[in-house]
Amino acid sequence: MAYRAIALDLDGTLTNHDKEVTPITRQALMKAQKDGAHIILASGRPTYGIAPIADHLEINKYDGYVLSYNGGKIVKWKTKEEIYSNHLPNDVISILYNYAKEKGHALLGYSGKEIITEMPDDKYVKEESRINKMQIRKINNLMESLEPNPTKLLMTGDPSLMIKAEEELSELVGNRMDVFRSAPFFIELVPRGIDKAQSLNRLLGLIGLTSNDMIAFGDGYNDLSMLKLAGIGVAMANAVPEVRAEADFITKSNEEDGVAFAIQKFCYNTDI
């Protein structure tokens, strides 16, 4: 194996428009695992939202890992051991909540297998539910319903409004936490210094590898640091322009088994 770690974003990268891993891509990843590669699923999704894909790829049998909440948590999937986690500062949560209320944006959190929000009918909240296959539970007060020490909150809204919201929130709390768009309609609200690259660096050190041993795949803004870190950073054909511009290679789209194509090309020097 030319690369002993394969880091994969999920939505728009590993999965197709139905949020499924196609048989061809699954076959390529199963072969890579059998040949000694560590599969690392690196997503902004909560851990519960990644679990079905982790199980479908059987990464528990081959020493795979889940990086959820954009790297806010790292879980060794074989044992379900949480080997790293970080949390939002408690005092910024009220600032985020009040901002969302004032601007009329949806704000959501996660509780076990559920998404919790005061705005369950927001179409982008419903998209988060669809992506993660998690039920939405309407609550009257998000501040009172959040689990202690959340790793991430998500703000949603029209893409044109989210650009301004990202800027304003960065000014409000950017010195205490990180604020960035993972999709045009999603703003990730996570602990400061948490991104996929930093968490991958931690994990690679734990398993005795370096960034040069890793190939990484992504399509969105929150994948940029991961692609820059990797020995080779692969952007999907459907990636946003900024990601394609920074990538070492642009593969086929997520609808065309782009992950499988690049694994064959760079890990096995063959074409599918």
Protein backbone atom coordinates (compact mmCIF):
# COMPACT_ATOMS: atom_id res chain seq x y z
CA MET A 1 0.00 0.00 0.00
CA ALA A 2 1.44 3.34 -1.05
CA TYR A 3 -0.63 5.09 1.65
CA ARG A 4 -1.32 3.45 4.99
CA ALA A 5 -4.02 5.92 6.09
CA ILE A 6 -7.04 6.93 4.01
CA ALA A 7 -8.92 9.93 5.39
CA LEU A 8 -12.38 10.45 3.95
CA ASP A 9 -14.94 13.19 4.21
CA LEU A 10 -18.43 11.71 3.88
CA ASP A 11 -21.05 13.97 2.32
CA GLY A 12 -20.22 14.89 -1.25
CA THR A 13 -17.09 12.73 -1.10
CA LEU A 14 -17.46 9.15 0.08
CA THR A 15 -21.25 9.03 -0.31
CA ASN A 16 -23.40 9.71 -3.36
CA HIS A 17 -26.53 11.88 -3.51
CA ASP A 18 -28.47 9.17 -1.64
CA LYS A 19 -25.88 9.37 1.18
CA GLU A 20 -24.75 5.83 0.37
CA VAL A 21 -21.37 4.24 -0.34
CA THR A 22 -21.60 2.55 -3.73
CA PRO A 23 -20.53 -1.10 -4.14
CA ILE A 24 -17.50 -0.13 -6.25
CA THR A 25 -16.22 2.34 -3.66
CA ARG A 26 -16.89 -0.06 -0.80
CA GLN A 27 -15.00 -2.81 -2.62
CA ALA A 28 -11.97 -0.52 -3.08
CA LEU A 29 -11.96 0.44 0.60
CA MET A 30 -12.39 -3.13 1.79
CA LYS A 31 -9.40 -4.20 -0.30
CA ALA A 32 -7.32 -1.31 1.04
CA GLN A 33 -8.14 -2.30 4.61
CA LYS A 34 -7.24 -5.93 3.96
CA ASP A 35 -3.92 -4.69 2.59
CA GLY A 36 -3.19 -2.81 5.81
CA ALA A 37 -4.66 0.66 5.40
CA HIS A 38 -6.39 2.49 8.24
CA ILE A 39 -9.71 3.98 7.13
CA ILE A 40 -10.43 7.28 8.89
CA LEU A 41 -13.91 8.74 8.46
CA ALA A 42 -13.50 12.48 9.04
CA SER A 43 -16.76 14.41 9.06
CA GLY A 44 -18.60 17.29 10.61
CA ARG A 45 -21.38 14.82 11.41
CA PRO A 46 -22.01 13.72 14.99
CA THR A 47 -20.64 10.29 15.88
CA TYR A 48 -24.09 8.69 15.63
CA GLY A 49 -24.46 10.02 12.09
CA ILE A 50 -21.18 8.39 11.00
CA ALA A 51 -21.82 5.03 12.66
CA PRO A 52 -23.87 3.40 9.86
CA ILE A 53 -21.14 4.08 7.29
CA ALA A 54 -18.39 2.95 9.67
CA ASP A 55 -20.25 -0.32 10.20
CA HIS A 56 -21.01 -0.73 6.49
CA LEU A 57 -17.28 -0.47 5.74
CA GLU A 58 -16.45 -2.81 8.66
CA ILE A 59 -13.73 -0.49 9.90
CA ASN A 60 -14.05 -2.10 13.35
CA LYS A 61 -12.41 -5.23 11.91
CA TYR A 62 -9.46 -3.38 10.41
CA ASP A 63 -8.46 -0.79 13.04
CA GLY A 64 -10.38 2.13 11.56
CA TYR A 65 -11.24 5.42 13.23
CA VAL A 66 -14.07 7.95 13.31
CA LEU A 67 -13.36 11.68 13.54
CA SER A 68 -16.73 13.25 14.29
CA TYR A 69 -17.75 16.87 14.85
CA ASN A 70 -15.10 17.98 12.37
CA GLY A 71 -12.41 16.42 14.54
CA GLY A 72 -13.85 17.37 17.92
CA LYS A 73 -13.95 13.68 18.82
CA ILE A 74 -11.82 10.73 17.76
CA VAL A 75 -13.15 7.23 18.32
CA LYS A 76 -11.29 3.95 17.78
CA TRP A 77 -14.13 2.04 16.17
CA LYS A 78 -13.04 -1.46 17.15
CA THR A 79 -13.36 -0.72 20.86
CA LYS A 80 -15.54 2.45 20.71
CA GLU A 81 -12.88 4.08 22.88
CA GLU A 82 -12.99 7.87 22.74
CA ILE A 83 -9.33 8.75 22.39
CA TYR A 84 -9.78 12.50 22.04
CA SER A 85 -12.56 15.02 22.64
CA ASN A 86 -12.99 18.76 23.03
CA HIS A 87 -15.93 20.97 24.01
CA LEU A 88 -17.33 24.43 23.41
CA PRO A 89 -16.69 26.95 26.20
CA ASN A 90 -19.88 27.13 28.23
CA ASP A 91 -20.09 30.92 28.19
CA VAL A 92 -20.11 31.22 24.38
CA ILE A 93 -23.17 28.99 24.00
CA SER A 94 -25.51 31.72 25.24
CA ILE A 95 -23.92 34.20 22.79
CA LEU A 96 -24.56 31.81 19.90
CA TYR A 97 -28.09 31.16 21.07
CA ASN A 98 -28.95 34.85 21.43
CA TYR A 99 -27.45 35.67 18.03
CA ALA A 100 -29.50 32.94 16.33
CA LYS A 101 -32.69 34.13 18.04
CA GLU A 102 -32.06 37.76 17.08
CA LYS A 103 -31.36 36.94 13.42
CA GLY A 104 -34.03 34.26 13.06
CA HIS A 105 -31.55 31.51 12.11
CA ALA A 106 -32.04 27.90 13.13
CA LEU A 107 -29.63 26.59 15.74
CA LEU A 108 -29.40 22.90 16.55
CA GLY A 109 -27.58 20.53 18.84
CA TYR A 110 -27.38 16.78 19.30
CA SER A 111 -28.74 14.57 22.07
CA GLY A 112 -28.00 10.87 21.72
CA LYS A 113 -29.68 9.73 18.50
CA GLU A 114 -31.63 12.96 18.04
CA ILE A 115 -31.18 16.43 16.63
CA ILE A 116 -32.70 19.00 18.97
CA THR A 117 -33.85 22.45 17.86
CA GLU A 118 -36.51 25.09 18.36
CA MET A 119 -37.01 25.26 14.57
CA PRO A 120 -37.74 21.70 13.38
CA ASP A 121 -39.43 22.87 10.15
CA ASP A 122 -36.38 24.72 8.85
CA LYS A 123 -35.47 23.05 5.54
CA TYR A 124 -31.77 23.01 6.35
CA VAL A 125 -32.39 21.41 9.74
CA LYS A 126 -34.31 18.75 7.83
CA GLU A 127 -31.30 18.33 5.53
CA GLU A 128 -29.06 17.73 8.55
CA SER A 129 -31.58 15.13 9.70
CA ARG A 130 -31.55 13.45 6.29
CA ILE A 131 -27.76 13.42 6.07
CA ASN A 132 -27.30 11.85 9.50
CA LYS A 133 -30.44 9.70 9.52
CA MET A 134 -31.31 11.25 12.89
CA GLN A 135 -34.77 12.22 14.08
CA ILE A 136 -35.54 15.85 14.91
CA ARG A 137 -36.98 16.64 18.32
CA LYS A 138 -38.60 20.03 18.83
CA ILE A 139 -37.75 21.65 22.12
CA ASN A 140 -38.90 24.93 23.66
CA ASN A 141 -35.51 26.16 24.83
CA LEU A 142 -32.29 24.87 23.32
CA MET A 143 -30.20 26.28 26.17
CA GLU A 144 -32.11 24.18 28.68
CA SER A 145 -32.09 21.00 26.57
CA LEU A 146 -28.46 20.69 25.47
CA GLU A 147 -26.38 17.90 26.92
CA PRO A 148 -23.52 19.10 29.15
CA ASN A 149 -20.32 20.13 27.36
CA PRO A 150 -21.43 19.94 23.71
CA THR A 151 -18.70 19.47 21.14
CA LYS A 152 -20.57 21.24 18.37
CA LEU A 153 -23.61 23.33 17.50
CA LEU A 154 -24.83 23.95 13.96
CA MET A 155 -26.46 27.09 12.60
CA THR A 156 -28.41 26.86 9.37
CA GLY A 157 -29.92 29.29 6.93
CA ASP A 158 -30.05 30.65 3.41
CA PRO A 159 -26.53 30.61 1.91
CA SER A 160 -26.53 34.36 1.25
CA LEU A 161 -27.34 35.02 4.92
CA MET A 162 -24.82 32.49 6.20
CA ILE A 163 -21.94 34.40 4.62
CA LYS A 164 -22.75 37.45 6.76
CA ALA A 165 -23.52 35.31 9.82
CA GLU A 166 -20.12 33.63 9.57
CA GLU A 167 -18.41 37.03 9.51
CA GLU A 168 -20.44 38.44 12.40
CA LEU A 169 -20.03 35.36 14.59
CA SER A 170 -16.30 35.31 13.91
CA GLU A 171 -16.11 38.86 15.23
CA LEU A 172 -18.26 38.01 18.27
CA VAL A 173 -16.64 34.77 19.41
CA GLY A 174 -13.80 34.02 17.01
CA ASN A 175 -11.22 34.50 19.74
CA ARG A 176 -12.90 31.79 21.84
CA MET A 177 -13.98 29.18 19.28
CA ASP A 178 -14.00 28.42 15.56
CA VAL A 179 -16.75 29.43 13.16
CA PHE A 180 -16.81 28.21 9.55
CA ARG A 181 -19.14 27.01 6.82
CA SER A 182 -19.01 23.31 5.98
CA ALA A 183 -21.68 23.87 3.33
CA PRO A 184 -23.20 27.09 1.97
CA PHE A 185 -26.15 26.68 4.36
CA PHE A 186 -24.32 25.23 7.42
CA ILE A 187 -22.16 27.12 9.92
CA GLU A 188 -20.12 24.83 12.17
CA LEU A 189 -19.67 26.12 15.72
CA VAL A 190 -16.85 24.16 17.33
CA PRO A 191 -14.05 24.50 19.91
CA ARG A 192 -11.11 26.69 18.96
CA GLY A 193 -8.36 24.95 17.05
CA ILE A 194 -10.49 21.97 16.13
CA ASP A 195 -10.37 20.98 12.50
CA LYS A 196 -9.80 17.81 10.58
CA ALA A 197 -6.07 18.40 10.06
CA GLN A 198 -5.28 18.94 13.73
CA SER A 199 -7.21 15.87 14.81
CA LEU A 200 -5.68 13.78 12.06
CA ASN A 201 -2.22 14.87 13.21
CA ARG A 202 -3.06 13.66 16.72
CA LEU A 203 -4.34 10.36 15.43
CA LEU A 204 -1.47 9.73 13.04
CA GLY A 205 0.98 10.19 15.89
CA LEU A 206 -0.92 7.69 18.02
CA ILE A 207 -0.83 5.01 15.32
CA GLY A 208 2.79 5.61 14.36
CA LEU A 209 2.24 7.27 10.99
CA THR A 210 2.99 10.69 9.50
CA SER A 211 1.01 12.91 7.16
CA ASN A 212 3.11 11.60 4.27
CA ASP A 213 1.55 8.17 4.88
CA MET A 214 -1.95 9.56 4.33
CA ILE A 215 -4.14 10.20 1.32
CA ALA A 216 -7.16 12.42 2.05
CA PHE A 217 -10.39 13.05 0.13
CA GLY A 218 -12.78 16.00 0.39
CA ASP A 219 -15.14 18.38 -1.34
CA GLY A 220 -16.01 21.18 1.13
CA TYR A 221 -14.45 24.14 2.87
CA ASN A 222 -13.86 22.18 6.07
CA ASP A 223 -11.76 19.66 4.12
CA LEU A 224 -9.11 22.15 3.00
CA SER A 225 -6.80 21.74 6.00
CA MET A 226 -7.01 17.96 5.75
CA LEU A 227 -6.13 17.95 2.06
CA LYS A 228 -3.19 20.29 2.65
CA LEU A 229 -1.90 18.08 5.47
CA ALA A 230 -2.00 14.80 3.57
CA GLY A 231 0.79 13.30 1.51
CA ILE A 232 -1.67 13.69 -1.32
CA GLY A 233 -4.88 15.69 -1.07
CA VAL A 234 -7.62 14.61 -3.46
CA ALA A 235 -10.58 16.83 -4.32
CA MET A 236 -13.74 15.45 -5.84
CA ALA A 237 -14.81 16.78 -9.25
CA ASN A 238 -17.87 18.17 -7.48
CA ALA A 239 -15.78 19.99 -4.83
CA VAL A 240 -16.12 23.72 -4.30
CA PRO A 241 -13.65 25.74 -6.44
CA GLU A 242 -11.42 26.66 -3.48
CA VAL A 243 -10.87 22.99 -2.64
CA ARG A 244 -10.18 22.00 -6.24
CA ALA A 245 -7.65 24.82 -6.49
CA GLU A 246 -5.69 23.60 -3.45
CA ALA A 247 -5.81 19.87 -4.15
CA ASP A 248 -2.93 17.79 -5.45
CA PHE A 249 -5.33 15.85 -7.67
CA ILE A 250 -8.94 16.16 -8.80
CA THR A 251 -10.67 12.81 -9.09
CA LYS A 252 -14.06 11.91 -10.51
CA SER A 253 -17.20 13.06 -8.72
CA ASN A 254 -18.87 11.34 -5.78
CA GLU A 255 -21.48 10.07 -8.23
CA GLU A 256 -18.76 8.42 -10.36
CA ASP A 257 -16.85 6.49 -7.66
CA GLY A 258 -14.16 9.16 -7.49
CA VAL A 259 -12.78 7.76 -4.24
CA ALA A 260 -12.31 4.29 -5.72
CA PHE A 261 -10.71 5.77 -8.85
CA ALA A 262 -8.09 7.69 -6.86
CA ILE A 263 -7.36 4.79 -4.49
CA GLN A 264 -6.61 2.56 -7.46
CA LYS A 265 -4.48 5.26 -9.07
CA PHE A 266 -2.40 6.30 -6.08
CA CYS A 267 -2.44 3.27 -3.79
CA TYR A 268 -2.18 0.57 -6.45
CA ASN A 269 -1.01 2.43 -9.57
CA THR A 270 -3.87 0.99 -11.63
CA ASP A 271 -7.19 2.24 -13.02
CA ILE A 272 -10.67 0.86 -12.30
